[in-house]
Full PDB file with SEQRES, HELIX, SHEET, SSBOND, CRYST1, ORIGX, SCALE, CONECT and MASTER records, all heavy atoms in Angstrom:
SEQRES   1 A   39  LEU ARG ARG GLY TYR LEU VAL ASP ASP GLU ALA THR ARG          
SEQRES   2 A   39  ILE TYR ARG THR MET ALA ASP LEU GLY LEU PRO LEU TRP          
SEQRES   3 A   39  ASP PRO ILE LEU GLU SER ARG GLY LEU LEU LEU GLN ALA          
HELIX    1 AA1 ASP A    8  ASP A   20  1                                  13    
HELIX    2 AA2 PRO A   28  GLU A   31  5                                   4    
HELIX    3 AA3 ARG A   33  GLN A   38  1                                   6    
CRYST1    1.000    1.000    1.000  90.00  90.00  90.00 P 1           1          
ORIGX1      1.000000  0.000000  0.000000        0.00000                         
ORIGX2      0.000000  1.000000  0.000000        0.00000                         
ORIGX3      0.000000  0.000000  1.000000        0.00000                         
SCALE1      1.000000  0.000000  0.000000        0.00000                         
SCALE2      0.000000  1.000000  0.000000        0.00000                         
SCALE3      0.000000  0.000000  1.000000        0.00000                         
ATOM      1  N   LEU A   1      -6.933   5.746   1.896  1.00  0.00           N  
ATOM      2  CA  LEU A   1      -7.793   5.114   2.942  1.00  0.00           C  
ATOM      3  C   LEU A   1      -7.881   5.966   4.141  1.00  0.00           C  
ATOM      4  O   LEU A   1      -8.951   6.239   4.686  1.00  0.00           O  
ATOM      5  CB  LEU A   1      -7.379   3.730   3.184  1.00  0.00           C  
ATOM      6  CG  LEU A   1      -8.123   3.001   4.178  1.00  0.00           C  
ATOM      7  CD1 LEU A   1      -9.623   2.789   3.839  1.00  0.00           C  
ATOM      8  CD2 LEU A   1      -7.532   1.649   4.570  1.00  0.00           C  
ATOM      9  N   ARG A   2      -6.770   6.386   4.622  1.00  0.00           N  
ATOM     10  CA  ARG A   2      -6.676   7.159   5.888  1.00  0.00           C  
ATOM     11  C   ARG A   2      -7.267   8.548   5.737  1.00  0.00           C  
ATOM     12  O   ARG A   2      -7.651   9.185   6.735  1.00  0.00           O  
ATOM     13  CB  ARG A   2      -5.282   7.020   6.380  1.00  0.00           C  
ATOM     14  CG  ARG A   2      -4.876   5.658   6.756  1.00  0.00           C  
ATOM     15  CD  ARG A   2      -3.377   5.615   7.142  1.00  0.00           C  
ATOM     16  NE  ARG A   2      -3.028   6.346   8.410  1.00  0.00           N  
ATOM     17  CZ  ARG A   2      -3.315   5.772   9.607  1.00  0.00           C  
ATOM     18  NH1 ARG A   2      -3.814   4.555   9.697  1.00  0.00           N  
ATOM     19  NH2 ARG A   2      -3.001   6.429  10.626  1.00  0.00           N  
ATOM     20  N   ARG A   3      -7.343   9.003   4.498  1.00  0.00           N  
ATOM     21  CA  ARG A   3      -7.940  10.348   4.207  1.00  0.00           C  
ATOM     22  C   ARG A   3      -9.406  10.264   4.158  1.00  0.00           C  
ATOM     23  O   ARG A   3     -10.069  11.287   4.087  1.00  0.00           O  
ATOM     24  CB  ARG A   3      -7.331  10.957   3.024  1.00  0.00           C  
ATOM     25  CG  ARG A   3      -5.921  11.569   3.226  1.00  0.00           C  
ATOM     26  CD  ARG A   3      -5.579  12.433   1.948  1.00  0.00           C  
ATOM     27  NE  ARG A   3      -4.329  13.111   2.233  1.00  0.00           N  
ATOM     28  CZ  ARG A   3      -3.947  14.222   1.474  1.00  0.00           C  
ATOM     29  NH1 ARG A   3      -4.753  14.705   0.563  1.00  0.00           N  
ATOM     30  NH2 ARG A   3      -2.835  14.782   1.737  1.00  0.00           N  
ATOM     31  N   GLY A   4      -9.956   9.086   3.982  1.00  0.00           N  
ATOM     32  CA  GLY A   4     -11.403   8.799   3.686  1.00  0.00           C  
ATOM     33  C   GLY A   4     -11.739   8.878   2.252  1.00  0.00           C  
ATOM     34  O   GLY A   4     -12.943   8.924   1.951  1.00  0.00           O  
ATOM     35  N   TYR A   5     -10.746   8.845   1.361  1.00  0.00           N  
ATOM     36  CA  TYR A   5     -10.998   8.778  -0.006  1.00  0.00           C  
ATOM     37  C   TYR A   5     -11.591   7.416  -0.518  1.00  0.00           C  
ATOM     38  O   TYR A   5     -12.213   7.406  -1.482  1.00  0.00           O  
ATOM     39  CB  TYR A   5      -9.752   9.188  -0.897  1.00  0.00           C  
ATOM     40  CG  TYR A   5      -9.247  10.600  -0.762  1.00  0.00           C  
ATOM     41  CD1 TYR A   5      -8.014  10.888  -1.274  1.00  0.00           C  
ATOM     42  CD2 TYR A   5     -10.035  11.539  -0.080  1.00  0.00           C  
ATOM     43  CE1 TYR A   5      -7.484  12.127  -1.136  1.00  0.00           C  
ATOM     44  CE2 TYR A   5      -9.435  12.848  -0.003  1.00  0.00           C  
ATOM     45  CZ  TYR A   5      -8.207  13.135  -0.466  1.00  0.00           C  
ATOM     46  OH  TYR A   5      -7.748  14.447  -0.366  1.00  0.00           O  
ATOM     47  N   LEU A   6     -11.118   6.422   0.267  1.00  0.00           N  
ATOM     48  CA  LEU A   6     -11.567   5.098  -0.007  1.00  0.00           C  
ATOM     49  C   LEU A   6     -12.310   4.490   1.181  1.00  0.00           C  
ATOM     50  O   LEU A   6     -11.961   4.867   2.391  1.00  0.00           O  
ATOM     51  CB  LEU A   6     -10.360   4.168  -0.342  1.00  0.00           C  
ATOM     52  CG  LEU A   6      -9.582   4.405  -1.590  1.00  0.00           C  
ATOM     53  CD1 LEU A   6      -8.325   3.554  -1.712  1.00  0.00           C  
ATOM     54  CD2 LEU A   6     -10.412   4.067  -2.840  1.00  0.00           C  
ATOM     55  N   VAL A   7     -13.339   3.634   0.991  1.00  0.00           N  
ATOM     56  CA  VAL A   7     -13.870   2.917   2.139  1.00  0.00           C  
ATOM     57  C   VAL A   7     -13.046   1.653   2.290  1.00  0.00           C  
ATOM     58  O   VAL A   7     -12.309   1.155   1.575  1.00  0.00           O  
ATOM     59  CB  VAL A   7     -15.370   2.626   1.879  1.00  0.00           C  
ATOM     60  CG1 VAL A   7     -16.118   3.971   1.735  1.00  0.00           C  
ATOM     61  CG2 VAL A   7     -15.618   1.769   0.636  1.00  0.00           C  
ATOM     62  N   ASP A   8     -13.279   1.028   3.431  1.00  0.00           N  
ATOM     63  CA  ASP A   8     -12.493  -0.148   3.834  1.00  0.00           C  
ATOM     64  C   ASP A   8     -12.714  -1.263   2.721  1.00  0.00           C  
ATOM     65  O   ASP A   8     -11.671  -1.995   2.312  1.00  0.00           O  
ATOM     66  CB  ASP A   8     -12.999  -0.764   5.126  1.00  0.00           C  
ATOM     67  CG  ASP A   8     -12.452   0.114   6.401  1.00  0.00           C  
ATOM     68  OD1 ASP A   8     -11.822   1.059   6.070  1.00  0.00           O  
ATOM     69  OD2 ASP A   8     -12.805  -0.382   7.487  1.00  0.00           O  
ATOM     70  N   ASP A   9     -13.957  -1.488   2.231  1.00  0.00           N  
ATOM     71  CA  ASP A   9     -14.092  -2.510   1.265  1.00  0.00           C  
ATOM     72  C   ASP A   9     -13.275  -2.232  -0.008  1.00  0.00           C  
ATOM     73  O   ASP A   9     -12.789  -3.232  -0.615  1.00  0.00           O  
ATOM     74  CB  ASP A   9     -15.514  -2.663   0.917  1.00  0.00           C  
ATOM     75  CG  ASP A   9     -15.953  -3.703  -0.072  1.00  0.00           C  
ATOM     76  OD1 ASP A   9     -15.614  -4.886   0.248  1.00  0.00           O  
ATOM     77  OD2 ASP A   9     -16.387  -3.335  -1.143  1.00  0.00           O  
ATOM     78  N   GLU A  10     -13.285  -1.017  -0.496  1.00  0.00           N  
ATOM     79  CA  GLU A  10     -12.511  -0.703  -1.686  1.00  0.00           C  
ATOM     80  C   GLU A  10     -11.075  -1.025  -1.446  1.00  0.00           C  
ATOM     81  O   GLU A  10     -10.446  -1.638  -2.359  1.00  0.00           O  
ATOM     82  CB  GLU A  10     -12.719   0.709  -2.142  1.00  0.00           C  
ATOM     83  CG  GLU A  10     -14.123   0.981  -2.602  1.00  0.00           C  
ATOM     84  CD  GLU A  10     -14.335   2.501  -2.776  1.00  0.00           C  
ATOM     85  OE1 GLU A  10     -13.865   3.296  -1.898  1.00  0.00           O  
ATOM     86  OE2 GLU A  10     -14.883   2.905  -3.887  1.00  0.00           O  
ATOM     87  N   ALA A  11     -10.491  -0.518  -0.374  1.00  0.00           N  
ATOM     88  CA  ALA A  11      -9.080  -0.762  -0.112  1.00  0.00           C  
ATOM     89  C   ALA A  11      -8.807  -2.313   0.081  1.00  0.00           C  
ATOM     90  O   ALA A  11      -7.797  -2.829  -0.403  1.00  0.00           O  
ATOM     91  CB  ALA A  11      -8.643  -0.141   1.188  1.00  0.00           C  
ATOM     92  N   THR A  12      -9.765  -3.052   0.634  1.00  0.00           N  
ATOM     93  CA  THR A  12      -9.578  -4.472   0.755  1.00  0.00           C  
ATOM     94  C   THR A  12      -9.443  -5.136  -0.613  1.00  0.00           C  
ATOM     95  O   THR A  12      -8.610  -6.010  -0.882  1.00  0.00           O  
ATOM     96  CB  THR A  12     -10.780  -5.013   1.639  1.00  0.00           C  
ATOM     97  OG1 THR A  12     -10.685  -4.560   2.872  1.00  0.00           O  
ATOM     98  CG2 THR A  12     -10.661  -6.688   1.542  1.00  0.00           C  
ATOM     99  N   ARG A  13     -10.342  -4.737  -1.469  1.00  0.00           N  
ATOM    100  CA  ARG A  13     -10.412  -5.376  -2.941  1.00  0.00           C  
ATOM    101  C   ARG A  13      -9.012  -5.024  -3.512  1.00  0.00           C  
ATOM    102  O   ARG A  13      -8.492  -5.893  -4.248  1.00  0.00           O  
ATOM    103  CB  ARG A  13     -11.557  -4.772  -3.597  1.00  0.00           C  
ATOM    104  CG  ARG A  13     -12.953  -5.249  -3.154  1.00  0.00           C  
ATOM    105  CD  ARG A  13     -13.984  -4.524  -3.927  1.00  0.00           C  
ATOM    106  NE  ARG A  13     -13.895  -4.923  -5.356  1.00  0.00           N  
ATOM    107  CZ  ARG A  13     -14.505  -4.221  -6.310  1.00  0.00           C  
ATOM    108  NH1 ARG A  13     -15.193  -3.069  -6.021  1.00  0.00           N  
ATOM    109  NH2 ARG A  13     -14.457  -4.587  -7.606  1.00  0.00           N  
ATOM    110  N   ILE A  14      -8.552  -3.867  -3.382  1.00  0.00           N  
ATOM    111  CA  ILE A  14      -7.258  -3.383  -4.065  1.00  0.00           C  
ATOM    112  C   ILE A  14      -6.104  -4.285  -3.462  1.00  0.00           C  
ATOM    113  O   ILE A  14      -5.450  -4.761  -4.310  1.00  0.00           O  
ATOM    114  CB  ILE A  14      -7.062  -1.873  -3.794  1.00  0.00           C  
ATOM    115  CG1 ILE A  14      -8.134  -1.101  -4.603  1.00  0.00           C  
ATOM    116  CG2 ILE A  14      -5.613  -1.523  -4.220  1.00  0.00           C  
ATOM    117  CD1 ILE A  14      -8.021   0.436  -4.129  1.00  0.00           C  
ATOM    118  N   TYR A  15      -6.020  -4.310  -2.202  1.00  0.00           N  
ATOM    119  CA  TYR A  15      -4.890  -4.950  -1.678  1.00  0.00           C  
ATOM    120  C   TYR A  15      -4.985  -6.511  -2.028  1.00  0.00           C  
ATOM    121  O   TYR A  15      -3.980  -7.180  -2.167  1.00  0.00           O  
ATOM    122  CB  TYR A  15      -4.741  -4.839  -0.187  1.00  0.00           C  
ATOM    123  CG  TYR A  15      -4.210  -3.427   0.185  1.00  0.00           C  
ATOM    124  CD1 TYR A  15      -4.942  -2.574   1.018  1.00  0.00           C  
ATOM    125  CD2 TYR A  15      -3.013  -2.938  -0.329  1.00  0.00           C  
ATOM    126  CE1 TYR A  15      -4.391  -1.297   1.338  1.00  0.00           C  
ATOM    127  CE2 TYR A  15      -2.531  -1.742  -0.063  1.00  0.00           C  
ATOM    128  CZ  TYR A  15      -3.220  -0.896   0.815  1.00  0.00           C  
ATOM    129  OH  TYR A  15      -2.735   0.381   1.089  1.00  0.00           O  
ATOM    130  N   ARG A  16      -6.202  -7.040  -1.843  1.00  0.00           N  
ATOM    131  CA  ARG A  16      -6.322  -8.464  -2.125  1.00  0.00           C  
ATOM    132  C   ARG A  16      -6.017  -8.824  -3.539  1.00  0.00           C  
ATOM    133  O   ARG A  16      -5.272  -9.834  -3.906  1.00  0.00           O  
ATOM    134  CB  ARG A  16      -7.774  -8.926  -1.931  1.00  0.00           C  
ATOM    135  CG  ARG A  16      -7.972 -10.366  -2.017  1.00  0.00           C  
ATOM    136  CD  ARG A  16      -9.352 -10.818  -1.989  1.00  0.00           C  
ATOM    137  NE  ARG A  16     -10.114 -10.430  -0.776  1.00  0.00           N  
ATOM    138  CZ  ARG A  16     -11.214  -9.698  -0.798  1.00  0.00           C  
ATOM    139  NH1 ARG A  16     -11.776  -9.288  -1.918  1.00  0.00           N  
ATOM    140  NH2 ARG A  16     -11.791  -9.438   0.343  1.00  0.00           N  
ATOM    141  N   THR A  17      -6.355  -7.901  -4.554  1.00  0.00           N  
ATOM    142  CA  THR A  17      -5.985  -8.192  -5.937  1.00  0.00           C  
ATOM    143  C   THR A  17      -4.538  -8.007  -6.232  1.00  0.00           C  
ATOM    144  O   THR A  17      -3.924  -8.807  -6.908  1.00  0.00           O  
ATOM    145  CB  THR A  17      -6.887  -7.257  -6.792  1.00  0.00           C  
ATOM    146  OG1 THR A  17      -8.206  -7.413  -6.592  1.00  0.00           O  
ATOM    147  CG2 THR A  17      -6.532  -7.430  -8.214  1.00  0.00           C  
ATOM    148  N   MET A  18      -3.894  -7.119  -5.520  1.00  0.00           N  
ATOM    149  CA  MET A  18      -2.460  -6.962  -5.690  1.00  0.00           C  
ATOM    150  C   MET A  18      -1.785  -8.191  -5.233  1.00  0.00           C  
ATOM    151  O   MET A  18      -0.896  -8.753  -5.940  1.00  0.00           O  
ATOM    152  CB  MET A  18      -1.923  -5.760  -4.877  1.00  0.00           C  
ATOM    153  CG  MET A  18      -2.397  -4.451  -5.400  1.00  0.00           C  
ATOM    154  SD  MET A  18      -1.918  -2.989  -4.281  1.00  0.00           S  
ATOM    155  CE  MET A  18      -0.156  -2.959  -4.683  1.00  0.00           C  
ATOM    156  N   ALA A  19      -2.114  -8.722  -4.071  1.00  0.00           N  
ATOM    157  CA  ALA A  19      -1.553  -9.978  -3.608  1.00  0.00           C  
ATOM    158  C   ALA A  19      -1.898 -11.130  -4.475  1.00  0.00           C  
ATOM    159  O   ALA A  19      -0.992 -11.940  -4.790  1.00  0.00           O  
ATOM    160  CB  ALA A  19      -2.088 -10.280  -2.209  1.00  0.00           C  
ATOM    161  N   ASP A  20      -3.090 -11.197  -5.091  1.00  0.00           N  
ATOM    162  CA  ASP A  20      -3.481 -12.388  -5.879  1.00  0.00           C  
ATOM    163  C   ASP A  20      -2.651 -12.291  -7.260  1.00  0.00           C  
ATOM    164  O   ASP A  20      -2.331 -13.365  -7.779  1.00  0.00           O  
ATOM    165  CB  ASP A  20      -4.900 -12.287  -6.341  1.00  0.00           C  
ATOM    166  CG  ASP A  20      -5.892 -12.801  -5.232  1.00  0.00           C  
ATOM    167  OD1 ASP A  20      -5.311 -13.469  -4.307  1.00  0.00           O  
ATOM    168  OD2 ASP A  20      -7.073 -12.490  -5.356  1.00  0.00           O  
ATOM    169  N   LEU A  21      -2.216 -11.147  -7.699  1.00  0.00           N  
ATOM    170  CA  LEU A  21      -1.479 -11.020  -8.933  1.00  0.00           C  
ATOM    171  C   LEU A  21       0.022 -11.079  -8.685  1.00  0.00           C  
ATOM    172  O   LEU A  21       0.883 -10.863  -9.597  1.00  0.00           O  
ATOM    173  CB  LEU A  21      -1.787  -9.656  -9.522  1.00  0.00           C  
ATOM    174  CG  LEU A  21      -3.223  -9.320 -10.019  1.00  0.00           C  
ATOM    175  CD1 LEU A  21      -3.409  -7.989 -10.577  1.00  0.00           C  
ATOM    176  CD2 LEU A  21      -3.621 -10.404 -11.029  1.00  0.00           C  
ATOM    177  N   GLY A  22       0.472 -11.447  -7.461  1.00  0.00           N  
ATOM    178  CA  GLY A  22       1.839 -11.663  -7.163  1.00  0.00           C  
ATOM    179  C   GLY A  22       2.659 -10.409  -6.937  1.00  0.00           C  
ATOM    180  O   GLY A  22       3.823 -10.418  -7.091  1.00  0.00           O  
ATOM    181  N   LEU A  23       1.938  -9.285  -6.577  1.00  0.00           N  
ATOM    182  CA  LEU A  23       2.683  -8.057  -6.357  1.00  0.00           C  
ATOM    183  C   LEU A  23       2.927  -7.820  -4.955  1.00  0.00           C  
ATOM    184  O   LEU A  23       2.088  -8.097  -4.099  1.00  0.00           O  
ATOM    185  CB  LEU A  23       1.745  -6.895  -6.994  1.00  0.00           C  
ATOM    186  CG  LEU A  23       1.573  -6.881  -8.435  1.00  0.00           C  
ATOM    187  CD1 LEU A  23       0.512  -5.934  -8.943  1.00  0.00           C  
ATOM    188  CD2 LEU A  23       2.918  -6.621  -9.224  1.00  0.00           C  
ATOM    189  N   PRO A  24       4.016  -7.112  -4.661  1.00  0.00           N  
ATOM    190  CA  PRO A  24       4.458  -6.847  -3.182  1.00  0.00           C  
ATOM    191  C   PRO A  24       3.593  -5.745  -2.671  1.00  0.00           C  
ATOM    192  O   PRO A  24       3.318  -4.742  -3.317  1.00  0.00           O  
ATOM    193  CB  PRO A  24       5.890  -6.482  -3.273  1.00  0.00           C  
ATOM    194  CG  PRO A  24       6.017  -5.981  -4.624  1.00  0.00           C  
ATOM    195  CD  PRO A  24       5.118  -6.717  -5.620  1.00  0.00           C  
ATOM    196  N   LEU A  25       3.103  -5.874  -1.461  1.00  0.00           N  
ATOM    197  CA  LEU A  25       2.478  -4.799  -0.734  1.00  0.00           C  
ATOM    198  C   LEU A  25       3.464  -4.101   0.310  1.00  0.00           C  
ATOM    199  O   LEU A  25       3.214  -3.108   0.728  1.00  0.00           O  
ATOM    200  CB  LEU A  25       1.219  -5.388   0.073  1.00  0.00           C  
ATOM    201  CG  LEU A  25       0.262  -6.203  -0.726  1.00  0.00           C  
ATOM    202  CD1 LEU A  25      -0.888  -6.683   0.274  1.00  0.00           C  
ATOM    203  CD2 LEU A  25      -0.302  -5.378  -1.779  1.00  0.00           C  
ATOM    204  N   TRP A  26       4.524  -4.804   0.507  1.00  0.00           N  
ATOM    205  CA  TRP A  26       5.517  -4.290   1.420  1.00  0.00           C  
ATOM    206  C   TRP A  26       6.903  -4.733   1.214  1.00  0.00           C  
ATOM    207  O   TRP A  26       7.153  -5.808   0.649  1.00  0.00           O  
ATOM    208  CB  TRP A  26       5.130  -4.758   2.917  1.00  0.00           C  
ATOM    209  CG  TRP A  26       6.111  -4.353   3.978  1.00  0.00           C  
ATOM    210  CD1 TRP A  26       7.113  -5.044   4.529  1.00  0.00           C  
ATOM    211  CD2 TRP A  26       6.134  -3.084   4.562  1.00  0.00           C  
ATOM    212  NE1 TRP A  26       7.772  -4.204   5.477  1.00  0.00           N  
ATOM    213  CE2 TRP A  26       7.281  -3.010   5.572  1.00  0.00           C  
ATOM    214  CE3 TRP A  26       5.390  -1.810   4.474  1.00  0.00           C  
ATOM    215  CZ2 TRP A  26       7.535  -1.860   6.148  1.00  0.00           C  
ATOM    216  CZ3 TRP A  26       5.784  -0.759   5.155  1.00  0.00           C  
ATOM    217  CH2 TRP A  26       6.826  -0.802   6.058  1.00  0.00           C  
ATOM    218  N   ASP A  27       7.849  -3.959   1.598  1.00  0.00           N  
ATOM    219  CA  ASP A  27       9.258  -4.230   1.468  1.00  0.00           C  
ATOM    220  C   ASP A  27      10.020  -3.450   2.558  1.00  0.00           C  
ATOM    221  O   ASP A  27       9.573  -2.397   2.841  1.00  0.00           O  
ATOM    222  CB  ASP A  27       9.798  -3.904   0.033  1.00  0.00           C  
ATOM    223  CG  ASP A  27      11.243  -4.329  -0.154  1.00  0.00           C  
ATOM    224  OD1 ASP A  27      12.187  -3.645   0.216  1.00  0.00           O  
ATOM    225  OD2 ASP A  27      11.509  -5.408  -0.775  1.00  0.00           O  
ATOM    226  N   PRO A  28      11.037  -4.047   3.138  1.00  0.00           N  
ATOM    227  CA  PRO A  28      11.705  -3.330   4.271  1.00  0.00           C  
ATOM    228  C   PRO A  28      12.253  -2.003   3.825  1.00  0.00           C  
ATOM    229  O   PRO A  28      12.498  -1.135   4.634  1.00  0.00           O  
ATOM    230  CB  PRO A  28      12.868  -4.264   4.490  1.00  0.00           C  
ATOM    231  CG  PRO A  28      12.351  -5.600   4.216  1.00  0.00           C  
ATOM    232  CD  PRO A  28      11.525  -5.374   2.956  1.00  0.00           C  
ATOM    233  N   ILE A  29      12.440  -1.721   2.503  1.00  0.00           N  
ATOM    234  CA  ILE A  29      12.957  -0.455   2.042  1.00  0.00           C  
ATOM    235  C   ILE A  29      11.978   0.635   2.419  1.00  0.00           C  
ATOM    236  O   ILE A  29      12.393   1.780   2.563  1.00  0.00           O  
ATOM    237  CB  ILE A  29      13.196  -0.360   0.525  1.00  0.00           C  
ATOM    238  CG1 ILE A  29      14.117   0.755   0.214  1.00  0.00           C  
ATOM    239  CG2 ILE A  29      11.985  -0.378  -0.248  1.00  0.00           C  
ATOM    240  CD1 ILE A  29      14.763   0.744  -1.180  1.00  0.00           C  
ATOM    241  N   LEU A  30      10.653   0.367   2.684  1.00  0.00           N  
ATOM    242  CA  LEU A  30       9.736   1.374   2.983  1.00  0.00           C  
ATOM    243  C   LEU A  30       9.888   1.809   4.409  1.00  0.00           C  
ATOM    244  O   LEU A  30       9.415   2.954   4.803  1.00  0.00           O  
ATOM    245  CB  LEU A  30       8.284   0.808   2.828  1.00  0.00           C  
ATOM    246  CG  LEU A  30       7.706   0.463   1.445  1.00  0.00           C  
ATOM    247  CD1 LEU A  30       6.329  -0.064   1.455  1.00  0.00           C  
ATOM    248  CD2 LEU A  30       7.794   1.776   0.553  1.00  0.00           C  
ATOM    249  N   GLU A  31      10.639   1.075   5.148  1.00  0.00           N  
ATOM    250  CA  GLU A  31      10.937   1.599   6.522  1.00  0.00           C  
ATOM    251  C   GLU A  31      11.826   2.746   6.704  1.00  0.00           C  
ATOM    252  O   GLU A  31      12.091   3.420   7.665  1.00  0.00           O  
ATOM    253  CB  GLU A  31      11.650   0.394   7.394  1.00  0.00           C  
ATOM    254  CG  GLU A  31      10.730  -0.782   7.577  1.00  0.00           C  
ATOM    255  CD  GLU A  31      11.369  -1.912   8.228  1.00  0.00           C  
ATOM    256  OE1 GLU A  31      12.577  -1.976   8.319  1.00  0.00           O  
ATOM    257  OE2 GLU A  31      10.596  -2.889   8.531  1.00  0.00           O  
ATOM    258  N   SER A  32      12.566   3.083   5.468  1.00  0.00           N  
ATOM    259  CA  SER A  32      13.429   4.253   5.355  1.00  0.00           C  
ATOM    260  C   SER A  32      12.615   5.466   4.982  1.00  0.00           C  
ATOM    261  O   SER A  32      12.378   5.788   3.902  1.00  0.00           O  
ATOM    262  CB  SER A  32      14.451   3.969   4.302  1.00  0.00           C  
ATOM    263  OG  SER A  32      15.254   5.165   4.213  1.00  0.00           O  
ATOM    264  N   ARG A  33      12.040   6.121   6.139  1.00  0.00           N  
ATOM    265  CA  ARG A  33      11.225   7.297   5.912  1.00  0.00           C  
ATOM    266  C   ARG A  33      12.029   8.365   5.210  1.00  0.00           C  
ATOM    267  O   ARG A  33      11.512   9.153   4.374  1.00  0.00           O  
ATOM    268  CB  ARG A  33      10.786   7.816   7.294  1.00  0.00           C  
ATOM    269  CG  ARG A  33       9.835   8.981   7.216  1.00  0.00           C  
ATOM    270  CD  ARG A  33       9.055   9.125   8.480  1.00  0.00           C  
ATOM    271  NE  ARG A  33       8.580  10.476   8.627  1.00  0.00           N  
ATOM    272  CZ  ARG A  33       9.144  11.439   9.441  1.00  0.00           C  
ATOM    273  NH1 ARG A  33      10.231  11.053  10.118  1.00  0.00           N  
ATOM    274  NH2 ARG A  33       8.649  12.641   9.552  1.00  0.00           N  
ATOM    275  N   GLY A  34      13.327   8.421   5.537  1.00  0.00           N  
ATOM    276  CA  GLY A  34      14.147   9.411   4.875  1.00  0.00           C  
ATOM    277  C   GLY A  34      14.256   9.260   3.360  1.00  0.00           C  
ATOM    278  O   GLY A  34      14.222  10.203   2.626  1.00  0.00           O  
ATOM    279  N   LEU A  35      14.229   7.998   2.894  1.00  0.00           N  
ATOM    280  CA  LEU A  35      14.341   7.721   1.503  1.00  0.00           C  
ATOM    281  C   LEU A  35      12.969   8.183   0.883  1.00  0.00           C  
ATOM    282  O   LEU A  35      13.019   8.755  -0.264  1.00  0.00           O  
ATOM    283  CB  LEU A  35      14.559   6.254   1.323  1.00  0.00           C  
ATOM    284  CG  LEU A  35      14.534   5.771  -0.230  1.00  0.00           C  
ATOM    285  CD1 LEU A  35      15.707   6.348  -0.861  1.00  0.00           C  
ATOM    286  CD2 LEU A  35      14.558   4.288  -0.409  1.00  0.00           C  
ATOM    287  N   LEU A  36      11.857   7.878   1.499  1.00  0.00           N  
ATOM    288  CA  LEU A  36      10.611   8.321   0.980  1.00  0.00           C  
ATOM    289  C   LEU A  36      10.443   9.830   0.864  1.00  0.00           C  
ATOM    290  O   LEU A  36       9.915  10.459  -0.012  1.00  0.00           O  
ATOM    291  CB  LEU A  36       9.408   7.730   1.848  1.00  0.00           C  
ATOM    292  CG  LEU A  36       9.395   6.217   1.736  1.00  0.00           C  
ATOM    293  CD1 LEU A  36       8.120   5.692   2.537  1.00  0.00           C  
ATOM    294  CD2 LEU A  36       9.310   5.732   0.336  1.00  0.00           C  
ATOM    295  N   LEU A  37      11.053  10.528   1.895  1.00  0.00           N  
ATOM    296  CA  LEU A  37      10.982  12.003   1.886  1.00  0.00           C  
ATOM    297  C   LEU A  37      11.862  12.530   0.760  1.00  0.00           C  
ATOM    298  O   LEU A  37      11.543  13.476   0.145  1.00  0.00           O  
ATOM    299  CB  LEU A  37      11.353  12.591   3.198  1.00  0.00           C  
ATOM    300  CG  LEU A  37      10.461  12.224   4.314  1.00  0.00           C  
ATOM    301  CD1 LEU A  37      10.923  12.922   5.713  1.00  0.00           C  
ATOM    302  CD2 LEU A  37       8.982  12.657   4.003  1.00  0.00           C  
ATOM    303  N   GLN A  38      13.017  11.827   0.509  1.00  0.00           N  
ATOM    304  CA  GLN A  38      13.862  12.223  -0.605  1.00  0.00           C  
ATOM    305  C   GLN A  38      13.168  11.979  -1.966  1.00  0.00           C  
ATOM    306  O   GLN A  38      13.252  12.790  -2.810  1.00  0.00           O  
ATOM    307  CB  GLN A  38      15.172  11.294  -0.575  1.00  0.00           C  
ATOM    308  CG  GLN A  38      16.037  11.586  -1.819  1.00  0.00           C  
ATOM    309  CD  GLN A  38      17.255  10.538  -1.792  1.00  0.00           C  
ATOM    310  OE1 GLN A  38      17.603   9.967  -0.755  1.00  0.00           O  
ATOM    311  NE2 GLN A  38      17.688  10.197  -2.900  1.00  0.00           N  
ATOM    312  N   ALA A  39      12.449  10.882  -1.962  1.00  0.00           N  
ATOM    313  CA  ALA A  39      11.678  10.564  -3.225  1.00  0.00           C  
ATOM    314  C   ALA A  39      10.617  11.634  -3.486  1.00  0.00           C  
ATOM    315  O   ALA A  39      10.437  12.086  -4.574  1.00  0.00           O  
ATOM    316  CB  ALA A  39      10.999   9.173  -3.116  1.00  0.00           C  
TER     317      ALA A  39                                                      
MASTER        0    0    0    3    0    0    0    6  316    1    0    3          
END                                                                             
């Protein structure tokens, strides 16, 4: 989205569907930037 590959409406549909399906969009583990860089 932030690169402009998706428009707002497409991203909205994706995130809304994820939430509707009971999937997490966020977890505190994502706050560990070092872990993501390691990944």
